[in-house]
Protein backbone atom coordinates (compact mmCIF):
# COMPACT_ATOMS: atom_id res chain seq x y z
CA MET A 1 14.61 -20.12 -29.25
CA THR A 2 16.39 -23.68 -29.24
CA ASP A 3 15.88 -26.76 -27.15
CA SER A 4 19.02 -28.84 -26.77
CA GLY A 5 17.79 -31.09 -24.12
CA PHE A 6 14.77 -32.71 -25.99
CA LEU A 7 15.82 -36.52 -26.28
CA ILE A 8 13.85 -38.96 -27.81
CA PRO A 9 14.97 -42.68 -26.55
CA LEU A 10 15.83 -45.04 -29.51
CA GLU A 11 13.09 -47.56 -28.75
CA ASN A 12 10.61 -44.72 -29.22
CA LEU A 13 11.66 -44.29 -32.71
CA PRO A 14 10.63 -45.92 -35.97
CA GLU A 15 14.02 -48.24 -36.76
CA ARG A 16 14.40 -47.13 -40.40
CA PHE A 17 14.30 -43.45 -39.14
CA ILE A 18 17.51 -44.22 -36.86
CA LYS A 19 19.20 -45.53 -39.87
CA SER A 20 18.39 -42.64 -42.06
CA ILE A 21 20.06 -40.34 -39.86
CA GLU A 22 23.02 -42.37 -39.43
CA HIS A 23 23.73 -42.13 -43.02
CA PRO A 24 22.57 -38.65 -44.04
CA SER A 25 22.33 -37.43 -47.77
CA ARG A 26 25.01 -35.28 -49.07
CA PRO A 27 24.32 -32.70 -50.17
CA PRO A 28 20.84 -32.25 -48.54
CA VAL A 29 17.97 -32.91 -50.63
CA PRO A 30 15.36 -30.08 -51.70
CA ALA A 31 12.43 -29.92 -49.27
CA ARG A 32 9.12 -30.56 -51.12
CA PRO A 33 5.83 -28.68 -50.50
CA ALA A 34 3.49 -30.54 -48.03
CA ALA A 35 0.63 -30.32 -45.92
CA THR A 36 -0.55 -32.22 -42.65
CA ILE A 37 -3.88 -31.98 -40.92
CA VAL A 38 -4.79 -32.87 -37.35
CA LEU A 39 -8.23 -34.11 -37.38
CA LEU A 40 -10.07 -33.29 -33.96
CA ARG A 41 -13.15 -34.16 -32.53
CA ASP A 42 -15.22 -33.80 -29.13
CA SER A 43 -15.68 -36.80 -26.86
CA PRO A 44 -17.65 -37.22 -23.80
CA SER A 45 -14.48 -36.61 -21.67
CA LYS A 46 -11.33 -34.92 -23.75
CA MET A 47 -10.80 -33.84 -27.07
CA GLU A 48 -9.23 -36.49 -29.35
CA ILE A 49 -7.02 -36.55 -32.37
CA LEU A 50 -6.88 -39.04 -35.27
CA LEU A 51 -3.46 -40.87 -35.62
CA LEU A 52 -2.42 -43.28 -38.37
CA ARG A 53 0.30 -45.70 -38.25
CA ARG A 54 2.43 -45.75 -41.39
CA ASP A 55 3.32 -49.27 -42.94
CA SER A 56 6.61 -50.57 -41.72
CA SER A 57 7.80 -50.79 -45.68
CA ALA A 58 6.62 -47.06 -46.10
CA SER A 59 9.54 -44.91 -47.72
CA PHE A 60 8.99 -42.01 -45.15
CA VAL A 61 8.76 -42.24 -41.37
CA PRO A 62 7.95 -46.21 -41.65
CA GLY A 63 6.17 -47.63 -38.67
CA ALA A 64 5.58 -44.01 -37.24
CA TYR A 65 2.32 -42.86 -35.96
CA VAL A 66 1.67 -39.56 -37.93
CA PHE A 67 -1.34 -37.10 -39.06
CA PRO A 68 -2.82 -37.49 -42.39
CA GLY A 69 -0.82 -35.59 -44.92
CA GLY A 70 1.35 -35.61 -48.06
CA GLN A 71 2.89 -33.50 -50.92
CA VAL A 72 1.00 -30.46 -52.36
CA ASP A 73 -0.52 -31.20 -56.10
CA PRO A 74 -1.13 -28.70 -58.62
CA THR A 75 -4.77 -29.53 -58.93
CA ASP A 76 -5.07 -28.28 -55.07
CA TRP A 77 -5.10 -24.59 -56.36
CA SER A 78 -6.71 -25.26 -59.78
CA LYS A 79 -9.26 -22.61 -60.60
CA LYS A 80 -11.95 -25.29 -60.47
CA MET A 81 -10.89 -26.25 -56.99
CA LEU A 82 -10.92 -22.54 -55.71
CA THR A 83 -14.67 -22.30 -56.66
CA ASN A 84 -15.29 -24.86 -54.02
CA VAL A 85 -13.97 -22.86 -51.20
CA ASP A 86 -15.98 -20.45 -48.94
CA GLY A 87 -14.50 -18.44 -46.05
CA LEU A 88 -10.96 -18.40 -47.21
CA THR A 89 -9.43 -16.41 -50.06
CA THR A 90 -6.11 -16.71 -51.51
CA GLU A 91 -5.03 -13.37 -49.80
CA THR A 92 -5.93 -14.38 -46.58
CA ALA A 93 -4.24 -17.67 -47.03
CA ALA A 94 -1.12 -15.80 -48.11
CA THR A 95 -1.17 -13.47 -45.18
CA ARG A 96 -1.48 -16.11 -42.40
CA LEU A 97 1.11 -18.41 -43.89
CA ASP A 98 3.45 -15.43 -44.75
CA LEU A 99 3.71 -16.92 -48.49
CA ALA A 100 2.74 -13.94 -50.79
CA GLY A 101 3.54 -14.59 -54.52
CA THR A 102 4.73 -18.05 -53.89
CA SER A 103 4.37 -21.32 -56.02
CA PRO A 104 2.38 -23.05 -55.04
CA PRO A 105 0.38 -20.51 -53.19
CA ALA A 106 -0.75 -20.45 -49.52
CA ILE A 107 -4.25 -21.79 -50.00
CA ALA A 108 -2.98 -24.71 -51.97
CA TYR A 109 -1.56 -25.90 -48.54
CA TYR A 110 -4.97 -25.78 -46.94
CA LEU A 111 -6.71 -27.61 -49.78
CA ALA A 112 -3.78 -30.21 -50.01
CA ALA A 113 -4.36 -31.07 -46.43
CA LEU A 114 -8.02 -31.70 -46.75
CA ARG A 115 -7.49 -33.74 -49.82
CA GLU A 116 -5.14 -35.72 -47.99
CA ALA A 117 -7.32 -36.10 -45.19
CA PHE A 118 -10.02 -37.61 -47.33
CA GLU A 119 -7.50 -40.05 -49.13
CA GLU A 120 -6.17 -41.17 -46.10
CA THR A 121 -8.94 -41.27 -43.63
CA GLY A 122 -12.24 -41.19 -45.94
CA ILE A 123 -13.20 -38.08 -43.76
CA LEU A 124 -14.52 -35.25 -45.83
CA VAL A 125 -13.85 -31.78 -43.86
CA GLY A 126 -16.86 -29.97 -45.80
CA VAL A 127 -20.33 -28.76 -45.61
CA GLY A 128 -22.94 -30.68 -47.32
CA PRO A 129 -26.29 -29.41 -48.94
CA ASN A 130 -27.96 -29.52 -45.45
CA VAL A 131 -25.30 -27.75 -43.85
CA GLN A 132 -24.08 -30.78 -42.08
CA ALA A 133 -20.97 -32.81 -42.38
CA PRO A 134 -21.09 -35.25 -45.08
CA PRO A 135 -20.92 -39.09 -44.66
CA THR A 136 -17.51 -40.69 -44.29
CA ALA A 137 -16.17 -43.37 -46.60
CA ALA A 138 -16.34 -45.86 -43.62
CA GLU A 139 -20.21 -45.42 -43.60
CA ASN A 140 -21.22 -44.82 -47.29
CA VAL A 141 -20.40 -47.02 -50.20
CA GLU A 142 -20.75 -44.11 -52.68
CA VAL A 143 -18.17 -41.87 -50.61
CA GLU A 144 -15.84 -44.93 -50.54
CA ALA A 145 -15.85 -45.44 -54.31
CA LEU A 146 -14.97 -41.75 -54.89
CA ARG A 147 -12.21 -41.93 -52.36
CA ASN A 148 -10.73 -44.94 -54.16
CA ARG A 149 -11.17 -43.15 -57.57
CA LEU A 150 -9.40 -40.02 -56.19
CA MET A 151 -6.38 -42.19 -54.95
CA GLU A 152 -6.42 -43.86 -58.39
CA GLY A 153 -6.24 -40.49 -60.25
CA SER A 154 -9.58 -41.12 -62.11
CA VAL A 155 -11.29 -38.05 -60.33
CA SER A 156 -10.22 -34.84 -58.75
CA PHE A 157 -10.81 -33.42 -55.45
CA SER A 158 -13.01 -30.86 -56.95
CA GLU A 159 -15.19 -33.39 -58.79
CA VAL A 160 -15.72 -35.42 -55.64
CA LEU A 161 -17.04 -32.33 -54.05
CA GLU A 162 -19.28 -31.59 -56.68
CA VAL A 163 -20.68 -34.93 -56.64
CA LEU A 164 -21.31 -35.02 -53.09
CA SER A 165 -22.59 -31.52 -53.17
CA CYS A 166 -20.26 -30.46 -50.41
CA ARG A 167 -18.11 -27.10 -50.13
CA ILE A 168 -15.00 -26.34 -48.07
CA ASP A 169 -15.56 -23.93 -45.14
CA GLY A 170 -11.85 -22.26 -45.12
CA SER A 171 -12.86 -20.50 -41.75
CA SER A 172 -12.81 -23.64 -39.97
CA ILE A 173 -9.55 -24.84 -40.68
CA GLU A 174 -6.66 -23.14 -38.52
CA TYR A 175 -2.94 -22.93 -39.41
CA LEU A 176 -0.97 -24.90 -36.59
CA ALA A 177 2.62 -25.15 -37.56
CA HIS A 178 5.37 -25.24 -40.15
CA TRP A 179 8.17 -27.71 -40.00
CA ILE A 180 10.83 -28.31 -42.38
CA THR A 181 12.57 -31.66 -42.42
CA PRO A 182 16.00 -31.93 -41.09
CA GLU A 183 18.87 -31.78 -43.79
CA ARG A 184 20.25 -35.06 -42.40
CA GLU A 185 17.19 -37.04 -44.04
CA PRO A 186 16.92 -38.45 -47.34
CA ARG A 187 13.14 -37.44 -48.05
CA ARG A 188 12.54 -33.84 -47.02
CA PHE A 189 9.37 -31.69 -47.01
CA ASP A 190 8.37 -28.19 -46.31
CA THR A 191 5.28 -28.85 -44.23
CA ARG A 192 2.53 -26.72 -43.30
CA PHE A 193 0.23 -28.04 -40.38
CA PHE A 194 -3.29 -27.44 -39.92
CA ALA A 195 -6.14 -28.47 -37.78
CA ALA A 196 -10.01 -28.84 -38.25
CA ARG A 197 -13.08 -30.11 -36.32
CA VAL A 198 -14.89 -33.45 -37.47
CA GLN A 199 -18.10 -34.62 -36.18
CA GLU A 200 -18.23 -36.48 -32.96
CA ASN A 201 -18.86 -39.96 -34.44
CA ALA A 202 -16.66 -39.93 -37.34
CA GLU A 203 -14.89 -43.04 -38.16
CA PRO A 204 -11.65 -43.23 -40.22
CA ILE A 205 -11.07 -46.04 -42.99
CA PHE A 206 -7.52 -46.39 -44.25
CA ASP A 207 -5.63 -47.82 -47.01
CA PRO A 208 -3.72 -50.91 -46.12
CA ARG A 209 -1.16 -50.41 -48.58
CA GLU A 210 0.15 -47.45 -46.98
CA MET A 211 -1.32 -47.59 -43.16
CA THR A 212 -1.89 -50.28 -40.58
CA GLU A 213 -3.90 -48.73 -37.92
CA ALA A 214 -6.01 -45.81 -37.26
CA LEU A 215 -6.55 -44.60 -33.61
CA TRP A 216 -8.54 -41.71 -31.76
CA LEU A 217 -6.89 -40.45 -28.77
CA ASN A 218 -6.68 -37.54 -26.31
CA PRO A 219 -3.19 -35.90 -27.08
CA GLN A 220 -2.18 -36.68 -23.47
CA GLU A 221 -2.81 -40.45 -23.74
CA ALA A 222 -0.86 -40.36 -27.01
CA LEU A 223 2.10 -38.52 -25.36
CA SER A 224 1.96 -41.25 -22.41
CA ARG A 225 2.00 -44.08 -24.94
CA ASN A 226 4.96 -42.69 -26.80
CA GLN A 227 7.02 -42.18 -23.71
CA ALA A 228 6.12 -45.68 -22.76
CA GLY A 229 7.36 -46.88 -26.08
CA THR A 230 4.27 -48.34 -27.56
CA LEU A 231 3.54 -45.39 -29.81
CA PRO A 232 6.60 -44.37 -32.15
CA MET A 233 6.28 -40.92 -33.42
CA ILE A 234 8.75 -38.28 -35.03
CA PHE A 235 9.27 -34.80 -33.48
CA PRO A 236 6.69 -32.70 -35.13
CA THR A 237 4.15 -35.29 -34.14
CA ILE A 238 5.14 -35.21 -30.48
CA ASP A 239 5.64 -31.18 -30.66
CA THR A 240 1.97 -30.89 -31.94
CA LEU A 241 0.47 -33.22 -29.44
CA GLN A 242 2.31 -31.06 -26.79
CA ARG A 243 0.74 -27.93 -28.00
CA LEU A 244 -2.86 -29.54 -28.02
CA ALA A 245 -2.53 -31.50 -24.74
CA ASP A 246 -4.02 -28.58 -22.53
CA TYR A 247 -7.22 -27.97 -24.56
CA ARG A 248 -10.34 -29.93 -23.40
CA THR A 249 -12.91 -28.96 -26.50
CA VAL A 250 -12.15 -28.49 -30.22
CA ARG A 251 -13.64 -25.09 -30.07
CA ASP A 252 -10.96 -23.99 -27.50
CA ALA A 253 -8.17 -25.78 -29.32
CA LEU A 254 -9.04 -24.00 -32.82
CA ARG A 255 -9.59 -20.68 -31.02
CA GLY A 256 -6.02 -20.80 -29.40
CA ILE A 257 -4.65 -22.26 -32.58
CA GLY A 258 -6.10 -19.42 -34.81
CA ASN A 259 -4.47 -16.80 -32.46
CA ALA A 260 -1.04 -18.07 -32.29
CA THR A 261 2.26 -17.01 -34.01
CA ILE A 262 3.60 -19.56 -35.99
CA PRO A 263 7.51 -19.87 -36.42
CA THR A 264 9.13 -21.87 -39.11
CA LEU A 265 11.13 -24.69 -37.44
CA MET A 266 13.81 -26.93 -39.02
CA PRO A 267 15.47 -29.35 -36.36
CA LYS A 268 18.84 -30.69 -36.32
CA LEU A 269 19.39 -34.16 -35.17
CA VAL A 270 22.16 -35.60 -33.32
CA LEU A 271 22.44 -39.33 -32.68
CA THR A 272 23.66 -40.30 -29.31
CA GLU A 273 23.73 -43.58 -27.38
CA GLU A 274 20.87 -42.86 -25.42
CA GLY A 275 18.54 -41.69 -28.44
CA VAL A 276 18.14 -38.88 -30.82
CA ARG A 277 18.70 -35.33 -29.42
CA LEU A 278 16.47 -32.60 -30.95
CA GLN A 279 17.73 -29.05 -31.53
CA VAL A 280 15.07 -26.79 -32.68
CA GLY A 281 15.79 -23.25 -33.98
CA GLU A 282 13.58 -20.82 -35.68
CA GLU A 283 14.65 -20.47 -39.47
CA GLU A 284 15.47 -17.15 -40.56
CA SER A 285 12.74 -16.18 -43.41
């Protein structure tokens, strides 16, 4: 399936993103393994998603509103890390992501997404000793201290879980999308998108060295603000919001996502006078 008519006006895109596609890398740089997670919460009216705004000086999609995410790290699939996971095995992850026998293994993408969520928002998608969600970094100084140590590299994600007596419920995380950065861009990622529920009152805290804002919005409102030019986003973020826009509850969204077939998408970008035109086709496996 292709879409040659999807056009995003220039004013709705980060300025440095436009410059990067005007002067593409030759030859294309390799795409690095990465993971992104859409944090979902129920509100009295509609389901909400968490968006973070990247600093204007960031090296990747500066100024854009994005979901938490980053590169897969070798510690994400260490034996110690895997002992903290329930409801998800290396085999089931490999089947769902169609990544049997790869390095990094499929389960590493799931765990990288959760680690990045904690680093970038202070929200830990896990189950505490009382079978409830652990406190966030925004509301608990101990959790915030652990988050800072994790970002500094003085503690691992598995050690964070052990200190907080938390475990990962792999069955609560759903695989949502697979995007590979277009070849024209100077930094490329092979990114698996996931979605997970967080508690209704979960409030994020972000690192001001990388982010400037955190917003809970329902998907339709986020799309409307993007169309109005006040919420710059890149193509995978917009597409993900469109896929989630019709769900009213987190339960319905996760159920729908869990039953979906996930294609691999690598857009081709065409710069025009009106904006950037997106051509999306499924990549051959």
